[in-house]
Amino acid sequence: MLKILQFKSLRESLAAPEFFLTDFAKFDRPATPHAGFQALSQFKAQHQCLPQPRNAKDATSLVVLVKKIDPDADEKIITELAYQVTGDLPPLAAVIGGFVAQEVLKACSAKFHPMLQHLYFNSLESLPTTLSNEQDCQPLGSRYDGQIAMFGKSFQDKLANHRQFLVGAGAIGCEMLKNWTFSNADPDFVAPGNAMEFLSDDRGKSYNPMCHCHVWSNFEIGDLGFWRGEAYYKFFEYLEQGGFYYERHGWGGAPVHSIGAALFAKKEQIHFFNDVMIG
């Protein structure tokens, strides 16, 4: 049965928003980030930049702007928004990417009900109990700057040296392993000019949900020197120490090859046989 949906314009929805709730335990929270993101646009227009990680002065300025929009906004949440806004986290990026992909499929298929109309997803409970200071959150020019802005370099170092045992590398387990890989790959071994965009649209910050292919090992011509090299050996050892090969349901050698080749080989060292079919 045909159903006609009416959406408010951006101007109307900013003034009188409709919120799509993702967590009913936080049903009263969306109004605060709704005002916060509008204030962030004003802050950037005034300062030509976003609030810096853990910078108290920037956070206070943002709170002042927010209070002009919504006097009842939660100052603590706005302060954390100012602290975290330049950061990013692969698992959360994957969640938002899943929402976006779902809405695209709805639009293309004209099936199922779209979201109405503003979605604000937050996970402040994911922050460490002990928060870092401003100095510890400064960017280093590395692919981990997004995480450092949120958690600090000390926490990122702990994350890089952490070892986990994952039981069940099935559907959810595969995504967990991808997040771990993108969050912990040793930058000393990552090749310049690599093929990361084959697996990720944002240089490893999150897994590309639209990437439905990987390097199949059914037909492969490779240099054993690469597969036996230090970088791939360390990568393989990391997976093994985490218990990966005790439970490998859903993962064979192909995804492991894909991540290893994308991280540790240059693009010109990889040739994809697009005209070779596997029966």
Protein backbone atom coordinates (compact mmCIF):
# COMPACT_ATOMS: atom_id res chain seq x y z
CA MET A 1 0.00 0.00 0.00
CA LEU A 2 1.44 3.37 -1.03
CA LYS A 3 2.33 5.72 1.82
CA ILE A 4 3.26 9.37 1.33
CA LEU A 5 5.87 10.69 3.78
CA GLN A 6 6.42 14.36 4.54
CA PHE A 7 9.80 15.61 5.70
CA LYS A 8 10.48 19.00 7.20
CA SER A 9 13.02 21.26 5.55
CA LEU A 10 16.38 21.66 7.28
CA ARG A 11 15.40 25.12 8.51
CA GLU A 12 12.13 23.81 9.95
CA SER A 13 13.68 20.70 11.49
CA LEU A 14 16.42 22.69 13.21
CA ALA A 15 13.78 24.79 14.95
CA ALA A 16 11.31 21.96 15.63
CA PRO A 17 13.21 18.66 15.34
CA GLU A 18 11.93 15.11 15.19
CA PHE A 19 14.41 12.74 16.84
CA PHE A 20 15.05 9.13 15.90
CA LEU A 21 15.85 7.36 19.17
CA THR A 22 18.51 4.65 19.25
CA ASP A 23 18.65 4.26 23.04
CA PHE A 24 15.45 4.65 25.05
CA ALA A 25 17.51 4.94 28.23
CA LYS A 26 18.67 8.30 26.82
CA PHE A 27 15.32 9.49 25.44
CA ASP A 28 15.87 13.01 26.82
CA ARG A 29 19.41 13.41 25.48
CA PRO A 30 19.06 14.18 21.70
CA ALA A 31 17.98 17.79 22.30
CA THR A 32 21.39 18.62 23.78
CA PRO A 33 23.57 17.45 20.84
CA HIS A 34 20.99 18.96 18.47
CA ALA A 35 21.83 22.37 19.92
CA GLY A 36 25.49 21.37 20.25
CA PHE A 37 26.04 20.69 16.56
CA GLN A 38 24.39 23.95 15.59
CA ALA A 39 26.72 25.73 18.01
CA LEU A 40 29.70 23.86 16.52
CA SER A 41 28.93 25.45 13.15
CA GLN A 42 28.90 28.88 14.81
CA PHE A 43 32.15 28.11 16.65
CA LYS A 44 33.89 27.07 13.43
CA ALA A 45 32.65 30.19 11.65
CA GLN A 46 34.08 32.36 14.43
CA HIS A 47 37.39 30.56 15.01
CA GLN A 48 37.99 28.84 11.64
CA CYS A 49 38.48 25.57 13.47
CA LEU A 50 36.69 23.12 15.75
CA PRO A 51 37.26 22.99 19.54
CA GLN A 52 40.59 21.40 20.32
CA PRO A 53 40.84 18.14 22.30
CA ARG A 54 40.51 18.66 26.07
CA ASN A 55 40.81 22.43 25.71
CA ALA A 56 38.80 23.97 28.56
CA LYS A 57 38.66 27.43 26.97
CA ASP A 58 37.17 26.09 23.73
CA ALA A 59 34.71 23.95 25.67
CA THR A 60 33.52 26.95 27.68
CA SER A 61 33.05 28.98 24.50
CA LEU A 62 30.97 26.20 22.99
CA VAL A 63 28.79 25.93 26.11
CA VAL A 64 28.06 29.70 25.89
CA LEU A 65 26.96 29.33 22.25
CA VAL A 66 24.78 26.32 23.06
CA LYS A 67 23.02 28.08 25.94
CA LYS A 68 21.89 30.80 23.52
CA ILE A 69 20.20 28.10 21.44
CA ASP A 70 18.90 25.88 24.25
CA PRO A 71 19.20 27.17 27.84
CA ASP A 72 18.31 23.69 29.17
CA ALA A 73 21.14 21.89 27.37
CA ASP A 74 23.30 19.64 29.54
CA GLU A 75 26.64 21.42 30.05
CA LYS A 76 28.50 18.19 30.82
CA ILE A 77 27.48 16.62 27.50
CA ILE A 78 28.36 19.78 25.58
CA THR A 79 31.75 19.93 27.29
CA GLU A 80 32.46 16.34 26.23
CA LEU A 81 31.25 17.16 22.72
CA ALA A 82 33.83 19.96 22.56
CA TYR A 83 36.52 17.62 23.85
CA GLN A 84 35.72 14.77 21.43
CA VAL A 85 34.58 16.53 18.25
CA THR A 86 37.92 16.21 16.42
CA GLY A 87 38.18 12.53 17.32
CA ASP A 88 36.80 9.39 15.71
CA LEU A 89 36.51 5.73 16.62
CA PRO A 90 36.27 2.84 14.08
CA PRO A 91 33.48 0.90 15.87
CA LEU A 92 31.27 4.00 16.11
CA ALA A 93 32.05 4.89 12.50
CA ALA A 94 30.92 1.37 11.58
CA VAL A 95 27.63 1.86 13.46
CA ILE A 96 26.86 5.13 11.66
CA GLY A 97 27.95 3.60 8.36
CA GLY A 98 25.46 0.79 8.94
CA PHE A 99 22.64 3.29 9.51
CA VAL A 100 23.55 5.22 6.35
CA ALA A 101 23.81 2.07 4.22
CA GLN A 102 20.42 0.92 5.47
CA GLU A 103 18.80 4.24 4.56
CA VAL A 104 20.37 4.15 1.09
CA LEU A 105 18.89 0.70 0.51
CA LYS A 106 15.49 1.95 1.67
CA ALA A 107 15.67 4.89 -0.74
CA CYS A 108 16.79 2.72 -3.67
CA SER A 109 14.20 0.00 -3.08
CA ALA A 110 11.29 2.20 -1.90
CA LYS A 111 10.70 -0.42 0.77
CA PHE A 112 10.55 -0.09 4.54
CA HIS A 113 10.08 3.08 6.53
CA PRO A 114 12.91 5.65 6.55
CA MET A 115 14.16 7.29 9.71
CA LEU A 116 12.48 10.52 10.83
CA GLN A 117 14.46 12.76 11.00
CA HIS A 118 17.51 13.59 13.19
CA LEU A 119 19.66 10.79 14.60
CA TYR A 120 22.19 11.55 17.35
CA PHE A 121 24.18 8.54 18.48
CA ASN A 122 26.45 8.90 21.50
CA SER A 123 28.40 6.54 23.70
CA LEU A 124 29.99 8.64 26.42
CA GLU A 125 30.10 5.52 28.56
CA SER A 126 32.85 4.24 26.24
CA LEU A 127 35.27 6.85 27.59
CA PRO A 128 37.92 5.60 30.03
CA THR A 129 37.30 6.11 33.73
CA THR A 130 40.49 8.18 33.95
CA LEU A 131 40.43 10.88 31.26
CA SER A 132 43.55 12.29 29.60
CA ASN A 133 44.75 15.88 29.76
CA GLU A 134 45.06 18.28 26.83
CA GLN A 135 48.75 17.61 26.27
CA ASP A 136 48.22 13.84 26.02
CA CYS A 137 45.52 14.34 23.34
CA GLN A 138 47.55 16.43 20.89
CA PRO A 139 47.76 15.14 17.29
CA LEU A 140 50.98 13.40 16.25
CA GLY A 141 50.42 13.31 12.50
CA SER A 142 49.54 9.61 12.63
CA ARG A 143 46.48 7.65 11.51
CA TYR A 144 45.61 7.27 15.20
CA ASP A 145 45.14 10.99 15.86
CA GLY A 146 41.36 10.55 15.90
CA GLN A 147 41.58 8.03 18.72
CA ILE A 148 44.29 9.99 20.53
CA ALA A 149 42.02 13.05 20.52
CA MET A 150 39.41 11.01 22.37
CA PHE A 151 41.43 8.74 24.63
CA GLY A 152 44.92 10.25 24.74
CA LYS A 153 48.26 8.84 23.61
CA SER A 154 48.80 6.87 26.82
CA PHE A 155 45.55 4.98 26.32
CA GLN A 156 46.31 4.47 22.62
CA ASP A 157 49.68 2.94 23.54
CA LYS A 158 47.90 0.52 25.87
CA LEU A 159 45.46 -0.33 23.10
CA ALA A 160 48.27 -1.00 20.63
CA ASN A 161 49.97 -3.39 23.08
CA HIS A 162 46.75 -5.07 24.21
CA ARG A 163 46.07 -8.76 23.59
CA GLN A 164 42.58 -10.18 23.34
CA PHE A 165 41.25 -13.70 22.93
CA LEU A 166 38.22 -13.68 20.62
CA VAL A 167 35.92 -16.69 20.71
CA GLY A 168 33.75 -16.92 17.60
CA ALA A 169 34.98 -15.14 14.48
CA GLY A 170 31.61 -15.36 12.77
CA ALA A 171 29.52 -12.44 11.54
CA ILE A 172 30.03 -10.13 14.53
CA GLY A 173 33.45 -11.57 15.34
CA CYS A 174 34.72 -10.71 11.86
CA GLU A 175 33.73 -7.08 12.30
CA MET A 176 35.40 -7.04 15.72
CA LEU A 177 38.65 -8.35 14.23
CA LYS A 178 38.53 -5.72 11.49
CA ASN A 179 38.08 -2.96 14.09
CA TRP A 180 40.97 -4.32 16.12
CA THR A 181 43.16 -4.47 13.03
CA PHE A 182 42.38 -0.89 11.97
CA SER A 183 42.90 0.34 15.54
CA ASN A 184 46.17 -1.46 16.27
CA ALA A 185 48.21 -1.94 13.08
CA ASP A 186 51.89 -1.15 13.72
CA PRO A 187 52.67 2.06 11.77
CA ASP A 188 56.31 0.99 11.41
CA PHE A 189 55.23 -1.77 9.03
CA VAL A 190 52.43 -0.02 7.12
CA ALA A 191 53.66 0.59 3.58
CA PRO A 192 53.53 4.10 2.11
CA GLY A 193 51.19 4.23 -0.88
CA ASN A 194 49.37 1.13 0.34
CA ALA A 195 46.03 -0.21 -0.88
CA MET A 196 44.04 0.55 2.26
CA GLU A 197 41.21 2.11 0.23
CA PHE A 198 40.47 -1.40 -1.04
CA LEU A 199 39.23 -2.21 2.48
CA SER A 200 38.42 1.21 3.88
CA ASP A 201 37.09 4.50 2.48
CA ASP A 202 38.74 6.58 5.24
CA ARG A 203 42.28 5.23 5.38
CA GLY A 204 41.64 2.59 7.99
CA LYS A 205 39.44 4.48 10.42
CA SER A 206 36.57 2.13 9.60
CA TYR A 207 35.89 -0.89 7.43
CA ASN A 208 34.30 -0.20 4.06
CA PRO A 209 30.80 -1.74 4.31
CA MET A 210 30.39 -1.57 0.53
CA CYS A 211 33.54 -3.66 -0.12
CA HIS A 212 32.11 -7.05 -1.02
CA CYS A 213 35.33 -8.57 -2.29
CA HIS A 214 38.78 -9.51 -1.08
CA VAL A 215 41.94 -11.17 -2.39
CA TRP A 216 40.91 -14.73 -3.11
CA SER A 217 43.71 -17.20 -2.58
CA ASN A 218 42.19 -19.83 -4.94
CA PHE A 219 44.26 -18.27 -7.72
CA GLU A 220 47.25 -16.32 -6.48
CA ILE A 221 50.69 -15.44 -7.77
CA GLY A 222 52.79 -14.07 -4.94
CA ASP A 223 56.28 -13.49 -3.67
CA LEU A 224 56.96 -15.75 -0.72
CA GLY A 225 59.41 -13.15 0.47
CA PHE A 226 56.46 -10.87 1.22
CA TRP A 227 54.39 -13.52 3.00
CA ARG A 228 57.45 -14.57 5.00
CA GLY A 229 58.57 -11.00 5.68
CA GLU A 230 58.71 -9.37 9.11
CA ALA A 231 55.61 -7.19 8.64
CA TYR A 232 53.29 -10.04 7.63
CA TYR A 233 54.86 -12.34 10.20
CA LYS A 234 54.14 -9.81 12.98
CA PHE A 235 50.58 -9.40 11.71
CA PHE A 236 50.09 -13.17 11.60
CA GLU A 237 51.62 -13.53 15.06
CA TYR A 238 49.28 -10.85 16.43
CA LEU A 239 46.23 -12.77 15.18
CA GLU A 240 47.58 -16.02 16.54
CA GLN A 241 48.30 -14.57 19.99
CA GLY A 242 44.74 -13.27 20.10
CA GLY A 243 43.35 -16.79 19.64
CA PHE A 244 42.20 -16.10 16.08
CA TYR A 245 43.05 -19.52 14.70
CA TYR A 246 41.34 -21.43 17.50
CA GLU A 247 37.98 -20.25 16.19
CA ARG A 248 38.03 -19.20 12.54
CA HIS A 249 34.42 -19.83 11.49
CA GLY A 250 33.56 -17.41 8.70
CA TRP A 251 37.17 -16.44 8.00
CA GLY A 252 39.59 -18.32 5.76
CA GLY A 253 42.96 -17.28 4.43
CA ALA A 254 41.52 -14.77 1.93
CA PRO A 255 40.48 -12.01 4.39
CA VAL A 256 43.78 -12.37 6.25
CA HIS A 257 45.64 -12.09 2.94
CA SER A 258 43.53 -9.06 2.00
CA ILE A 259 44.28 -7.08 5.15
CA GLY A 260 47.95 -8.05 5.09
CA ALA A 261 48.42 -7.10 1.43
CA ALA A 262 46.45 -3.85 1.80
CA LEU A 263 48.51 -2.74 4.81
CA PHE A 264 52.02 -3.91 4.02
CA ALA A 265 52.32 -3.80 0.21
CA LYS A 266 52.30 -0.80 -2.10
CA LYS A 267 49.49 -0.48 -4.63
CA GLU A 268 51.87 -1.02 -7.54
CA GLN A 269 52.92 -4.34 -5.99
CA ILE A 270 49.36 -5.70 -6.22
CA HIS A 271 47.66 -6.82 -9.43
CA PHE A 272 44.00 -7.75 -9.44
CA PHE A 273 43.10 -10.27 -12.16
CA ASN A 274 39.72 -8.77 -12.97
CA ASP A 275 39.25 -10.91 -16.08
CA VAL A 276 39.86 -14.25 -14.35
CA MET A 277 36.72 -16.00 -13.12
CA ILE A 278 36.62 -18.57 -10.32
CA GLY A 279 34.14 -21.34 -10.97
